[in-house]
PDB file of N, CA and C in Angstrom:
ATOM      1  N   MET A   1       0.841  -1.177   0.000  1.00  0.00           N
ATOM      2  CA  MET A   1       0.000   0.000   0.000  1.00  0.00           C
ATOM      3  C   MET A   1       0.889   1.244   0.000  1.00  0.00           C
ATOM      4  N   LEU A   2       0.590   2.195  -0.849  1.00  0.00           N
ATOM      5  CA  LEU A   2       1.341   3.441  -0.950  1.00  0.00           C
ATOM      6  C   LEU A   2       0.949   4.365   0.185  1.00  0.00           C
ATOM      7  N   THR A   3       1.951   4.816   0.898  1.00  0.00           N
ATOM      8  CA  THR A   3       1.707   5.775   1.968  1.00  0.00           C
ATOM      9  C   THR A   3       2.339   7.094   1.576  1.00  0.00           C
ATOM     10  N   LYS A   4       1.615   8.153   1.802  1.00  0.00           N
ATOM     11  CA  LYS A   4       2.127   9.478   1.475  1.00  0.00           C
ATOM     12  C   LYS A   4       2.308  10.273   2.754  1.00  0.00           C
ATOM     13  N   HIS A   5       3.504  10.847   2.902  1.00  0.00           N
ATOM     14  CA  HIS A   5       3.821  11.693   4.055  1.00  0.00           C
ATOM     15  C   HIS A   5       3.268  13.082   3.778  1.00  0.00           C
ATOM     16  N   ASN A   6       2.295  13.512   4.515  1.00  0.00           N
ATOM     17  CA  ASN A   6       1.611  14.775   4.228  1.00  0.00           C
ATOM     18  C   ASN A   6       2.155  15.974   4.978  1.00  0.00           C
ATOM     19  N   SER A   7       2.720  15.773   6.146  1.00  0.00           N
ATOM     20  CA  SER A   7       3.149  16.931   6.923  1.00  0.00           C
ATOM     21  C   SER A   7       4.605  17.274   6.617  1.00  0.00           C
ATOM     22  N   ILE A   8       4.827  18.505   6.281  1.00  0.00           N
ATOM     23  CA  ILE A   8       6.188  18.999   6.037  1.00  0.00           C
ATOM     24  C   ILE A   8       6.569  19.873   7.220  1.00  0.00           C
ATOM     25  N   GLN A   9       7.651  19.514   7.864  1.00  0.00           N
ATOM     26  CA  GLN A   9       8.060  20.181   9.096  1.00  0.00           C
ATOM     27  C   GLN A   9       9.275  21.093   8.897  1.00  0.00           C
ATOM     28  N   ARG A  10       9.368  21.747   7.763  1.00  0.00           N
ATOM     29  CA  ARG A  10      10.534  22.585   7.486  1.00  0.00           C
ATOM     30  C   ARG A  10      10.628  23.798   8.390  1.00  0.00           C
ATOM     31  N   ASP A  11       9.500  24.267   8.890  1.00  0.00           N
ATOM     32  CA  ASP A  11       9.524  25.459   9.732  1.00  0.00           C
ATOM     33  C   ASP A  11       9.402  25.122  11.218  1.00  0.00           C
ATOM     34  N   GLN A  12       9.600  23.865  11.533  1.00  0.00           N
ATOM     35  CA  GLN A  12       9.519  23.415  12.911  1.00  0.00           C
ATOM     36  C   GLN A  12      10.665  24.002  13.724  1.00  0.00           C
ATOM     37  N   ILE A  13      10.386  24.446  14.904  1.00  0.00           N
ATOM     38  CA  ILE A  13      11.407  25.015  15.783  1.00  0.00           C
ATOM     39  C   ILE A  13      11.840  23.946  16.779  1.00  0.00           C
ATOM     40  N   GLU A  14      13.146  23.750  16.861  1.00  0.00           N
ATOM     41  CA  GLU A  14      13.724  22.767  17.772  1.00  0.00           C
ATOM     42  C   GLU A  14      14.817  23.440  18.588  1.00  0.00           C
ATOM     43  N   ILE A  15      15.010  22.979  19.776  1.00  0.00           N
ATOM     44  CA  ILE A  15      16.163  23.401  20.565  1.00  0.00           C
ATOM     45  C   ILE A  15      17.127  22.232  20.551  1.00  0.00           C
ATOM     46  N   ILE A  16      18.269  22.456  19.893  1.00  0.00           N
ATOM     47  CA  ILE A  16      19.238  21.373  19.729  1.00  0.00           C
ATOM     48  C   ILE A  16      20.642  21.963  19.742  1.00  0.00           C
ATOM     49  N   ALA A  17      21.564  21.241  20.301  1.00  0.00           N
ATOM     50  CA  ALA A  17      22.965  21.665  20.311  1.00  0.00           C
ATOM     51  C   ALA A  17      23.638  21.166  19.039  1.00  0.00           C
ATOM     52  N   LEU A  18      24.530  21.968  18.504  1.00  0.00           N
ATOM     53  CA  LEU A  18      25.275  21.591  17.309  1.00  0.00           C
ATOM     54  C   LEU A  18      25.997  20.260  17.533  1.00  0.00           C
ATOM     55  N   ASP A  19      26.476  20.057  18.742  1.00  0.00           N
ATOM     56  CA  ASP A  19      27.193  18.837  19.091  1.00  0.00           C
ATOM     57  C   ASP A  19      26.334  17.581  18.867  1.00  0.00           C
ATOM     58  N   GLU A  20      25.019  17.709  19.029  1.00  0.00           N
ATOM     59  CA  GLU A  20      24.118  16.575  18.848  1.00  0.00           C
ATOM     60  C   GLU A  20      23.941  16.193  17.376  1.00  0.00           C
ATOM     61  N   LEU A  21      24.269  17.109  16.463  1.00  0.00           N
ATOM     62  CA  LEU A  21      24.088  16.857  15.039  1.00  0.00           C
ATOM     63  C   LEU A  21      25.282  16.162  14.393  1.00  0.00           C
ATOM     64  N   VAL A  22      26.394  16.087  15.116  1.00  0.00           N
ATOM     65  CA  VAL A  22      27.604  15.470  14.567  1.00  0.00           C
ATOM     66  C   VAL A  22      27.734  14.063  15.141  1.00  0.00           C
ATOM     67  N   PRO A  23      27.642  13.050  14.288  1.00  0.00           N
ATOM     68  CA  PRO A  23      27.738  11.670  14.782  1.00  0.00           C
ATOM     69  C   PRO A  23      29.054  11.413  15.531  1.00  0.00           C
ATOM     70  N   ALA A  24      28.982  10.556  16.512  1.00  0.00           N
ATOM     71  CA  ALA A  24      30.155  10.254  17.347  1.00  0.00           C
ATOM     72  C   ALA A  24      31.309   9.680  16.533  1.00  0.00           C
ATOM     73  N   ASN A  25      31.028   9.000  15.438  1.00  0.00           N
ATOM     74  CA  ASN A  25      32.087   8.378  14.635  1.00  0.00           C
ATOM     75  C   ASN A  25      32.472   9.208  13.409  1.00  0.00           C
ATOM     76  N   HIS A  26      32.015  10.454  13.329  1.00  0.00           N
ATOM     77  CA  HIS A  26      32.345  11.302  12.172  1.00  0.00           C
ATOM     78  C   HIS A  26      33.851  11.596  12.162  1.00  0.00           C
ATOM     79  N   LEU A  27      34.410  11.682  10.977  1.00  0.00           N
ATOM     80  CA  LEU A  27      35.846  11.909  10.821  1.00  0.00           C
ATOM     81  C   LEU A  27      36.313  13.201  11.491  1.00  0.00           C
ATOM     82  N   VAL A  28      35.502  14.258  11.486  1.00  0.00           N
ATOM     83  CA  VAL A  28      35.951  15.504  12.115  1.00  0.00           C
ATOM     84  C   VAL A  28      36.147  15.341  13.617  1.00  0.00           C
ATOM     85  N   ARG A  29      35.361  14.497  14.238  1.00  0.00           N
ATOM     86  CA  ARG A  29      35.558  14.239  15.676  1.00  0.00           C
ATOM     87  C   ARG A  29      36.885  13.515  15.907  1.00  0.00           C
ATOM     88  N   LYS A  30      37.201  12.583  15.025  1.00  0.00           N
ATOM     89  CA  LYS A  30      38.460  11.850  15.146  1.00  0.00           C
ATOM     90  C   LYS A  30      39.651  12.776  14.921  1.00  0.00           C
ATOM     91  N   LEU A  31      39.534  13.689  13.958  1.00  0.00           N
ATOM     92  CA  LEU A  31      40.606  14.657  13.716  1.00  0.00           C
ATOM     93  C   LEU A  31      40.813  15.564  14.919  1.00  0.00           C
ATOM     94  N   GLU A  32      39.721  16.017  15.509  1.00  0.00           N
ATOM     95  CA  GLU A  32      39.795  16.918  16.659  1.00  0.00           C
ATOM     96  C   GLU A  32      40.522  16.260  17.832  1.00  0.00           C
ATOM     97  N   VAL A  33      40.322  14.959  18.006  1.00  0.00           N
ATOM     98  CA  VAL A  33      40.970  14.226  19.089  1.00  0.00           C
ATOM     99  C   VAL A  33      42.434  13.927  18.744  1.00  0.00           C
ATOM    100  N   ALA A  34      42.695  13.613  17.491  1.00  0.00           N
ATOM    101  CA  ALA A  34      44.018  13.139  17.085  1.00  0.00           C
ATOM    102  C   ALA A  34      45.052  14.242  16.866  1.00  0.00           C
ATOM    103  N   ILE A  35      44.614  15.449  16.527  1.00  0.00           N
ATOM    104  CA  ILE A  35      45.553  16.519  16.161  1.00  0.00           C
ATOM    105  C   ILE A  35      45.477  17.649  17.174  1.00  0.00           C
ATOM    106  N   ASP A  36      46.634  18.066  17.651  1.00  0.00           N
ATOM    107  CA  ASP A  36      46.720  19.204  18.571  1.00  0.00           C
ATOM    108  C   ASP A  36      46.916  20.477  17.755  1.00  0.00           C
ATOM    109  N   PHE A  37      45.820  21.140  17.437  1.00  0.00           N
ATOM    110  CA  PHE A  37      45.876  22.347  16.622  1.00  0.00           C
ATOM    111  C   PHE A  37      46.418  23.557  17.387  1.00  0.00           C
ATOM    112  N   SER A  38      46.526  23.458  18.706  1.00  0.00           N
ATOM    113  CA  SER A  38      46.996  24.596  19.503  1.00  0.00           C
ATOM    114  C   SER A  38      48.466  24.946  19.224  1.00  0.00           C
ATOM    115  N   ILE A  39      49.202  24.066  18.581  1.00  0.00           N
ATOM    116  CA  ILE A  39      50.607  24.371  18.277  1.00  0.00           C
ATOM    117  C   ILE A  39      50.745  25.380  17.130  1.00  0.00           C
ATOM    118  N   ILE A  40      49.665  25.619  16.407  1.00  0.00           N
ATOM    119  CA  ILE A  40      49.729  26.510  15.245  1.00  0.00           C
ATOM    120  C   ILE A  40      49.974  27.958  15.640  1.00  0.00           C
ATOM    121  N   ASN A  41      49.225  28.469  16.601  1.00  0.00           N
ATOM    122  CA  ASN A  41      49.340  29.895  16.952  1.00  0.00           C
ATOM    123  C   ASN A  41      50.749  30.321  17.348  1.00  0.00           C
ATOM    124  N   PRO A  42      51.454  29.591  18.200  1.00  0.00           N
ATOM    125  CA  PRO A  42      52.823  30.009  18.508  1.00  0.00           C
ATOM    126  C   PRO A  42      53.754  29.989  17.287  1.00  0.00           C
ATOM    127  N   LEU A  43      53.494  29.084  16.352  1.00  0.00           N
ATOM    128  CA  LEU A  43      54.338  28.994  15.164  1.00  0.00           C
ATOM    129  C   LEU A  43      54.163  30.180  14.211  1.00  0.00           C
ATOM    130  N   VAL A  44      52.980  30.757  14.188  1.00  0.00           N
ATOM    131  CA  VAL A  44      52.710  31.844  13.233  1.00  0.00           C
ATOM    132  C   VAL A  44      52.607  33.215  13.884  1.00  0.00           C
ATOM    133  N   LYS A  45      52.796  33.283  15.187  1.00  0.00           N
ATOM    134  CA  LYS A  45      52.607  34.545  15.921  1.00  0.00           C
ATOM    135  C   LYS A  45      53.424  35.684  15.337  1.00  0.00           C
ATOM    136  N   ASP A  46      54.657  35.454  14.965  1.00  0.00           N
ATOM    137  CA  ASP A  46      55.531  36.506  14.454  1.00  0.00           C
ATOM    138  C   ASP A  46      55.145  36.983  13.054  1.00  0.00           C
ATOM    139  N   MET A  47      54.246  36.291  12.409  1.00  0.00           N
ATOM    140  CA  MET A  47      53.810  36.673  11.068  1.00  0.00           C
ATOM    141  C   MET A  47      52.652  37.668  11.089  1.00  0.00           C
ATOM    142  N   TYR A  48      52.155  37.999  12.260  1.00  0.00           N
ATOM    143  CA  TYR A  48      51.011  38.894  12.400  1.00  0.00           C
ATOM    144  C   TYR A  48      51.444  40.219  13.000  1.00  0.00           C
ATOM    145  N   SER A  49      50.834  41.278  12.506  1.00  0.00           N
ATOM    146  CA  SER A  49      51.101  42.617  13.009  1.00  0.00           C
ATOM    147  C   SER A  49      50.200  42.909  14.202  1.00  0.00           C
ATOM    148  N   GLU A  50      50.649  43.789  15.059  1.00  0.00           N
ATOM    149  CA  GLU A  50      49.846  44.214  16.204  1.00  0.00           C
ATOM    150  C   GLU A  50      48.851  45.301  15.804  1.00  0.00           C
ATOM    151  N   VAL A  51      49.021  45.884  14.634  1.00  0.00           N
ATOM    152  CA  VAL A  51      48.123  46.938  14.150  1.00  0.00           C
ATOM    153  C   VAL A  51      47.317  46.415  12.970  1.00  0.00           C
ATOM    154  N   GLY A  52      46.266  47.131  12.635  1.00  0.00           N
ATOM    155  CA  GLY A  52      45.437  46.724  11.507  1.00  0.00           C
ATOM    156  C   GLY A  52      44.202  45.996  11.970  1.00  0.00           C
ATOM    157  N   ARG A  53      43.438  45.554  11.000  1.00  0.00           N
ATOM    158  CA  ARG A  53      42.194  44.875  11.342  1.00  0.00           C
ATOM    159  C   ARG A  53      42.472  43.466  11.860  1.00  0.00           C
ATOM    160  N   PRO A  54      41.545  42.948  12.641  1.00  0.00           N
ATOM    161  CA  PRO A  54      41.743  41.605  13.200  1.00  0.00           C
ATOM    162  C   PRO A  54      41.822  40.545  12.105  1.00  0.00           C
ATOM    163  N   SER A  55      42.620  39.553  12.355  1.00  0.00           N
ATOM    164  CA  SER A  55      42.798  38.471  11.385  1.00  0.00           C
ATOM    165  C   SER A  55      41.813  37.347  11.674  1.00  0.00           C
ATOM    166  N   ILE A  56      41.773  36.402  10.767  1.00  0.00           N
ATOM    167  CA  ILE A  56      41.046  35.156  11.006  1.00  0.00           C
ATOM    168  C   ILE A  56      42.006  34.231  11.742  1.00  0.00           C
ATOM    169  N   ASP A  57      41.515  33.557  12.736  1.00  0.00           N
ATOM    170  CA  ASP A  57      42.336  32.646  13.527  1.00  0.00           C
ATOM    171  C   ASP A  57      43.040  31.656  12.591  1.00  0.00           C
ATOM    172  N   PRO A  58      44.380  31.568  12.665  1.00  0.00           N
ATOM    173  CA  PRO A  58      45.103  30.645  11.791  1.00  0.00           C
ATOM    174  C   PRO A  58      44.677  29.180  11.953  1.00  0.00           C
ATOM    175  N   ILE A  59      44.212  28.817  13.132  1.00  0.00           N
ATOM    176  CA  ILE A  59      43.732  27.451  13.336  1.00  0.00           C
ATOM    177  C   ILE A  59      42.514  27.196  12.449  1.00  0.00           C
ATOM    178  N   ILE A  60      41.648  28.187  12.331  1.00  0.00           N
ATOM    179  CA  ILE A  60      40.473  28.064  11.470  1.00  0.00           C
ATOM    180  C   ILE A  60      40.909  27.864  10.020  1.00  0.00           C
ATOM    181  N   LEU A  61      41.899  28.643   9.573  1.00  0.00           N
ATOM    182  CA  LEU A  61      42.374  28.527   8.193  1.00  0.00           C
ATOM    183  C   LEU A  61      42.977  27.159   7.915  1.00  0.00           C
ATOM    184  N   ILE A  62      43.732  26.634   8.863  1.00  0.00           N
ATOM    185  CA  ILE A  62      44.326  25.303   8.706  1.00  0.00           C
ATOM    186  C   ILE A  62      43.231  24.237   8.691  1.00  0.00           C
ATOM    187  N   LYS A  63      42.258  24.369   9.579  1.00  0.00           N
ATOM    188  CA  LYS A  63      41.164  23.402   9.613  1.00  0.00           C
ATOM    189  C   LYS A  63      40.342  23.448   8.326  1.00  0.00           C
ATOM    190  N   MET A  64      40.161  24.635   7.760  1.00  0.00           N
ATOM    191  CA  MET A  64      39.450  24.750   6.490  1.00  0.00           C
ATOM    192  C   MET A  64      40.214  24.014   5.389  1.00  0.00           C
ATOM    193  N   ALA A  65      41.541  24.140   5.396  1.00  0.00           N
ATOM    194  CA  ALA A  65      42.363  23.425   4.417  1.00  0.00           C
ATOM    195  C   ALA A  65      42.246  21.914   4.627  1.00  0.00           C
ATOM    196  N   PHE A  66      42.179  21.471   5.889  1.00  0.00           N
ATOM    197  CA  PHE A  66      41.984  20.048   6.191  1.00  0.00           C
ATOM    198  C   PHE A  66      40.666  19.557   5.606  1.00  0.00           C
ATOM    199  N   ILE A  67      39.605  20.323   5.834  1.00  0.00           N
ATOM    200  CA  ILE A  67      38.291  19.946   5.307  1.00  0.00           C
ATOM    201  C   ILE A  67      38.359  19.795   3.791  1.00  0.00           C
ATOM    202  N   GLN A  68      38.965  20.785   3.143  1.00  0.00           N
ATOM    203  CA  GLN A  68      39.050  20.765   1.684  1.00  0.00           C
ATOM    204  C   GLN A  68      39.806  19.528   1.193  1.00  0.00           C
ATOM    205  N   TYR A  69      40.926  19.243   1.805  1.00  0.00           N
ATOM    206  CA  TYR A  69      41.775  18.130   1.354  1.00  0.00           C
ATOM    207  C   TYR A  69      41.163  16.769   1.699  1.00  0.00           C
ATOM    208  N   ILE A  70      40.794  16.582   2.951  1.00  0.00           N
ATOM    209  CA  ILE A  70      40.346  15.275   3.417  1.00  0.00           C
ATOM    210  C   ILE A  70      39.030  14.850   2.772  1.00  0.00           C
ATOM    211  N   PHE A  71      38.146  15.808   2.536  1.00  0.00           N
ATOM    212  CA  PHE A  71      36.847  15.474   1.956  1.00  0.00           C
ATOM    213  C   PHE A  71      36.827  15.673   0.438  1.00  0.00           C
ATOM    214  N   GLY A  72      37.997  15.958  -0.148  1.00  0.00           N
ATOM    215  CA  GLY A  72      38.126  16.007  -1.605  1.00  0.00           C
ATOM    216  C   GLY A  72      37.327  17.102  -2.276  1.00  0.00           C
ATOM    217  N   ILE A  73      37.278  18.255  -1.644  1.00  0.00           N
ATOM    218  CA  ILE A  73      36.526  19.373  -2.208  1.00  0.00           C
ATOM    219  C   ILE A  73      37.457  20.126  -3.153  1.00  0.00           C
ATOM    220  N   GLY A  74      36.988  20.417  -4.341  1.00  0.00           N
ATOM    221  CA  GLY A  74      37.847  20.930  -5.409  1.00  0.00           C
ATOM    222  C   GLY A  74      38.334  22.357  -5.291  1.00  0.00           C
ATOM    223  N   SER A  75      37.625  23.203  -4.572  1.00  0.00           N
ATOM    224  CA  SER A  75      38.035  24.605  -4.495  1.00  0.00           C
ATOM    225  C   SER A  75      37.684  25.176  -3.131  1.00  0.00           C
ATOM    226  N   MET A  76      38.321  26.301  -2.788  1.00  0.00           N
ATOM    227  CA  MET A  76      38.008  26.933  -1.509  1.00  0.00           C
ATOM    228  C   MET A  76      36.600  27.515  -1.543  1.00  0.00           C
ATOM    229  N   ARG A  77      36.167  28.004  -2.700  1.00  0.00           N
ATOM    230  CA  ARG A  77      34.789  28.520  -2.812  1.00  0.00           C
ATOM    231  C   ARG A  77      33.784  27.413  -2.473  1.00  0.00           C
ATOM    232  N   LYS A  78      33.990  26.219  -3.017  1.00  0.00           N
ATOM    233  CA  LYS A  78      33.111  25.091  -2.740  1.00  0.00           C
ATOM    234  C   LYS A  78      33.250  24.645  -1.282  1.00  0.00           C
ATOM    235  N   THR A  79      34.457  24.710  -0.740  1.00  0.00           N
ATOM    236  CA  THR A  79      34.679  24.359   0.666  1.00  0.00           C
ATOM    237  C   THR A  79      33.847  25.255   1.569  1.00  0.00           C
ATOM    238  N   ILE A  80      33.866  26.557   1.304  1.00  0.00           N
ATOM    239  CA  ILE A  80      33.078  27.502   2.105  1.00  0.00           C
ATOM    240  C   ILE A  80      31.587  27.186   1.978  1.00  0.00           C
ATOM    241  N   ASP A  81      31.129  26.892   0.763  1.00  0.00           N
ATOM    242  CA  ASP A  81      29.724  26.510   0.577  1.00  0.00           C
ATOM    243  C   ASP A  81      29.375  25.293   1.430  1.00  0.00           C
ATOM    244  N   GLU A  82      30.274  24.314   1.456  1.00  0.00           N
ATOM    245  CA  GLU A  82      30.047  23.098   2.245  1.00  0.00           C
ATOM    246  C   GLU A  82      30.056  23.413   3.747  1.00  0.00           C
ATOM    247  N   ILE A  83      30.985  24.249   4.181  1.00  0.00           N
ATOM    248  CA  ILE A  83      31.065  24.610   5.606  1.00  0.00           C
ATOM    249  C   ILE A  83      29.795  25.333   6.043  1.00  0.00           C
ATOM    250  N   GLU A  84      29.232  26.145   5.154  1.00  0.00           N
ATOM    251  CA  GLU A  84      28.013  26.880   5.499  1.00  0.00           C
ATOM    252  C   GLU A  84      26.822  25.954   5.713  1.00  0.00           C
ATOM    253  N   THR A  85      26.819  24.784   5.085  1.00  0.00           N
ATOM    254  CA  THR A  85      25.643  23.922   5.176  1.00  0.00           C
ATOM    255  C   THR A  85      25.849  22.616   5.942  1.00  0.00           C
ATOM    256  N   ILE A  86      27.064  22.152   6.065  1.00  0.00           N
ATOM    257  CA  ILE A  86      27.308  20.877   6.758  1.00  0.00           C
ATOM    258  C   ILE A  86      27.701  21.163   8.208  1.00  0.00           C
ATOM    259  N   MET A  87      26.841  20.772   9.107  1.00  0.00           N
ATOM    260  CA  MET A  87      27.016  21.103  10.519  1.00  0.00           C
ATOM    261  C   MET A  87      28.262  20.465  11.133  1.00  0.00           C
ATOM    262  N   ALA A  88      28.685  19.318  10.637  1.00  0.00           N
ATOM    263  CA  ALA A  88      29.893  18.682  11.166  1.00  0.00           C
ATOM    264  C   ALA A  88      31.120  19.553  10.897  1.00  0.00           C
ATOM    265  N   TYR A  89      31.149  20.202   9.758  1.00  0.00           N
ATOM    266  CA  TYR A  89      32.272  21.088   9.446  1.00  0.00           C
ATOM    267  C   TYR A  89      32.249  22.322  10.347  1.00  0.00           C
ATOM    268  N   ARG A  90      31.062  22.883  10.580  1.00  0.00           N
ATOM    269  CA  ARG A  90      30.943  24.028  11.500  1.00  0.00           C
ATOM    270  C   ARG A  90      31.422  23.620  12.902  1.00  0.00           C
ATOM    271  N   TRP A  91      31.020  22.438  13.329  1.00  0.00           N
ATOM    272  CA  TRP A  91      31.437  21.941  14.641  1.00  0.00           C
ATOM    273  C   TRP A  91      32.957  21.866  14.718  1.00  0.00           C
ATOM    274  N   PHE A  92      33.586  21.298  13.694  1.00  0.00           N
ATOM    275  CA  PHE A  92      35.035  21.132  13.638  1.00  0.00           C
ATOM    276  C   PHE A  92      35.748  22.479  13.721  1.00  0.00           C
ATOM    277  N   LEU A  93      35.195  23.491  13.075  1.00  0.00           N
ATOM    278  CA  LEU A  93      35.794  24.825  13.093  1.00  0.00           C
ATOM    279  C   LEU A  93      35.481  25.604  14.369  1.00  0.00           C
ATOM    280  N   GLY A  94      34.503  25.134  15.119  1.00  0.00           N
ATOM    281  CA  GLY A  94      34.108  25.843  16.326  1.00  0.00           C
ATOM    282  C   GLY A  94      33.115  26.955  16.058  1.00  0.00           C
ATOM    283  N   TYR A  95      32.466  26.925  14.910  1.00  0.00           N
ATOM    284  CA  TYR A  95      31.462  27.917  14.551  1.00  0.00           C
ATOM    285  C   TYR A  95      30.077  27.426  14.942  1.00  0.00           C
ATOM    286  N   GLY A  96      29.227  28.367  15.344  1.00  0.00           N
ATOM    287  CA  GLY A  96      27.847  28.046  15.675  1.00  0.00           C
ATOM    288  C   GLY A  96      26.958  28.104  14.443  1.00  0.00           C
ATOM    289  N   PHE A  97      25.670  27.933  14.675  1.00  0.00           N
ATOM    290  CA  PHE A  97      24.696  27.937  13.587  1.00  0.00           C
ATOM    291  C   PHE A  97      24.712  29.240  12.786  1.00  0.00           C
ATOM    292  N   HIS A  98      24.887  30.347  13.473  1.00  0.00           N
ATOM    293  CA  HIS A  98      24.733  31.653  12.831  1.00  0.00           C
ATOM    294  C   HIS A  98      26.053  32.400  12.627  1.00  0.00           C
ATOM    295  N   ASP A  99      27.174  31.801  12.980  1.00  0.00           N
ATOM    296  CA  ASP A  99      28.462  32.468  12.792  1.00  0.00           C
ATOM    297  C   ASP A  99      28.783  32.611  11.311  1.00  0.00           C
ATOM    298  N   LYS A 100      29.355  33.763  10.974  1.00  0.00           N
ATOM    299  CA  LYS A 100      29.735  34.029   9.588  1.00  0.00           C
ATOM    300  C   LYS A 100      31.032  33.291   9.265  1.00  0.00           C
ATOM    301  N   ILE A 101      31.026  32.545   8.177  1.00  0.00           N
ATOM    302  CA  ILE A 101      32.185  31.783   7.723  1.00  0.00           C
ATOM    303  C   ILE A 101      33.090  32.723   6.926  1.00  0.00           C
ATOM    304  N   PRO A 102      34.419  32.616   7.054  1.00  0.00           N
ATOM    305  CA  PRO A 102      35.315  33.484   6.278  1.00  0.00           C
ATOM    306  C   PRO A 102      35.035  33.390   4.782  1.00  0.00           C
ATOM    307  N   HIS A 103      35.272  34.482   4.092  1.00  0.00           N
ATOM    308  CA  HIS A 103      35.050  34.539   2.650  1.00  0.00           C
ATOM    309  C   HIS A 103      36.047  33.627   1.947  1.00  0.00           C
ATOM    310  N   PHE A 104      35.630  33.053   0.809  1.00  0.00           N
ATOM    311  CA  PHE A 104      36.498  32.114   0.091  1.00  0.00           C
ATOM    312  C   PHE A 104      37.774  32.758  -0.427  1.00  0.00           C
ATOM    313  N   SER A 105      37.791  34.085  -0.548  1.00  0.00           N
ATOM    314  CA  SER A 105      38.989  34.744  -1.088  1.00  0.00           C
ATOM    315  C   SER A 105      40.085  34.926  -0.038  1.00  0.00           C
ATOM    316  N   THR A 106      39.829  34.488   1.200  1.00  0.00           N
ATOM    317  CA  THR A 106      40.869  34.525   2.221  1.00  0.00           C
ATOM    318  C   THR A 106      41.940  33.528   1.815  1.00  0.00           C
ATOM    319  N   LYS A 107      43.166  34.007   1.685  1.00  0.00           N
ATOM    320  CA  LYS A 107      44.239  33.149   1.180  1.00  0.00           C
ATOM    321  C   LYS A 107      45.489  33.267   2.047  1.00  0.00           C
ATOM    322  N   TRP A 108      46.331  32.293   1.895  1.00  0.00           N
ATOM    323  CA  TRP A 108      47.624  32.273   2.558  1.00  0.00           C
ATOM    324  C   TRP A 108      48.649  32.780   1.553  1.00  0.00           C
ATOM    325  N   HIS A 109      49.306  33.892   1.889  1.00  0.00           N
ATOM    326  CA  HIS A 109      50.298  34.473   0.983  1.00  0.00           C
ATOM    327  C   HIS A 109      51.685  34.292   1.578  1.00  0.00           C
ATOM    328  N   LYS A 110      52.380  33.249   1.172  1.00  0.00           N
ATOM    329  CA  LYS A 110      53.705  33.001   1.730  1.00  0.00           C
ATOM    330  C   LYS A 110      54.744  33.967   1.174  1.00  0.00           C
ATOM    331  N   ASN A 111      54.472  34.596   0.021  1.00  0.00           N
ATOM    332  CA  ASN A 111      55.436  35.516  -0.574  1.00  0.00           C
ATOM    333  C   ASN A 111      55.064  36.979  -0.388  1.00  0.00           C
ATOM    334  N   SER A 112      54.058  37.253   0.426  1.00  0.00           N
ATOM    335  CA  SER A 112      53.661  38.644   0.614  1.00  0.00           C
ATOM    336  C   SER A 112      54.717  39.368   1.453  1.00  0.00           C
ATOM    337  N   PRO A 113      54.793  40.692   1.340  1.00  0.00           N
ATOM    338  CA  PRO A 113      55.802  41.445   2.095  1.00  0.00           C
ATOM    339  C   PRO A 113      55.720  41.213   3.596  1.00  0.00           C
ATOM    340  N   ARG A 114      54.516  41.024   4.102  1.00  0.00           N
ATOM    341  CA  ARG A 114      54.370  40.807   5.548  1.00  0.00           C
ATOM    342  C   ARG A 114      54.393  39.325   5.894  1.00  0.00           C
ATOM    343  N   ARG A 115      54.457  38.447   4.894  1.00  0.00           N
ATOM    344  CA  ARG A 115      54.520  37.003   5.065  1.00  0.00           C
ATOM    345  C   ARG A 115      53.394  36.429   5.924  1.00  0.00           C
ATOM    346  N   GLY A 116      52.264  37.079   5.974  1.00  0.00           N
ATOM    347  CA  GLY A 116      51.199  36.589   6.839  1.00  0.00           C
ATOM    348  C   GLY A 116      49.979  36.163   6.073  1.00  0.00           C
ATOM    349  N   LEU A 117      48.930  35.960   6.822  1.00  0.00           N
ATOM    350  CA  LEU A 117      47.654  35.596   6.232  1.00  0.00           C
ATOM    351  C   LEU A 117      46.890  36.895   5.984  1.00  0.00           C
ATOM    352  N   GLN A 118      46.407  37.075   4.789  1.00  0.00           N
ATOM    353  CA  GLN A 118      45.727  38.302   4.441  1.00  0.00           C
ATOM    354  C   GLN A 118      44.443  37.996   3.715  1.00  0.00           C
ATOM    355  N   THR A 119      43.533  38.958   3.739  1.00  0.00           N
ATOM    356  CA  THR A 119      42.294  38.824   2.988  1.00  0.00           C
ATOM    357  C   THR A 119      42.391  39.698   1.753  1.00  0.00           C
ATOM    358  N   ILE A 120      42.085  39.124   0.617  1.00  0.00           N
ATOM    359  CA  ILE A 120      42.086  39.838  -0.643  1.00  0.00           C
ATOM    360  C   ILE A 120      40.680  40.352  -0.898  1.00  0.00           C
ATOM    361  N   LYS A 121      40.530  41.593  -1.169  1.00  0.00           N
ATOM    362  CA  LYS A 121      39.216  42.187  -1.470  1.00  0.00           C
ATOM    363  C   LYS A 121      39.208  42.710  -2.867  1.00  0.00           C
TER     364      LYS A 121
END
C-alpha cells in the first residue's frame, strides 16, 4: 500500500545543540581528538602585526584546508559553501549555527611582504 507523508516540518522550531548533530564516529571528531591544533598559533605569531584589522584565527584557516583536502573538495569557494551547510564542518571549526564563515577569497600568501595571512578584497 502506498503511503504518502503529508506533513512537512521545514519550519519546525527545535532546541538542539550543534554537538548533537555530529555523529560520534564522524571523521571531524576523530581529527579533533588526534591533532593538537593549539601548536599553530605560537608557530605563526611573528607573522602577524599588532596593528590593523583583526585576522582570522590561523587554526580556522588550517582546519578549512583540512576539510578541503580530506573530503576532496575541489576549491576553496566550494569548501566555504560546504562549511556553510554541513554542521559537522561548522562543529570542527568551532562555529555556531549563525556564525559568519570566512570569505572564500581569504588566502595564505607566503610571498607577501608581511609574510602573513591576508584577505584579498
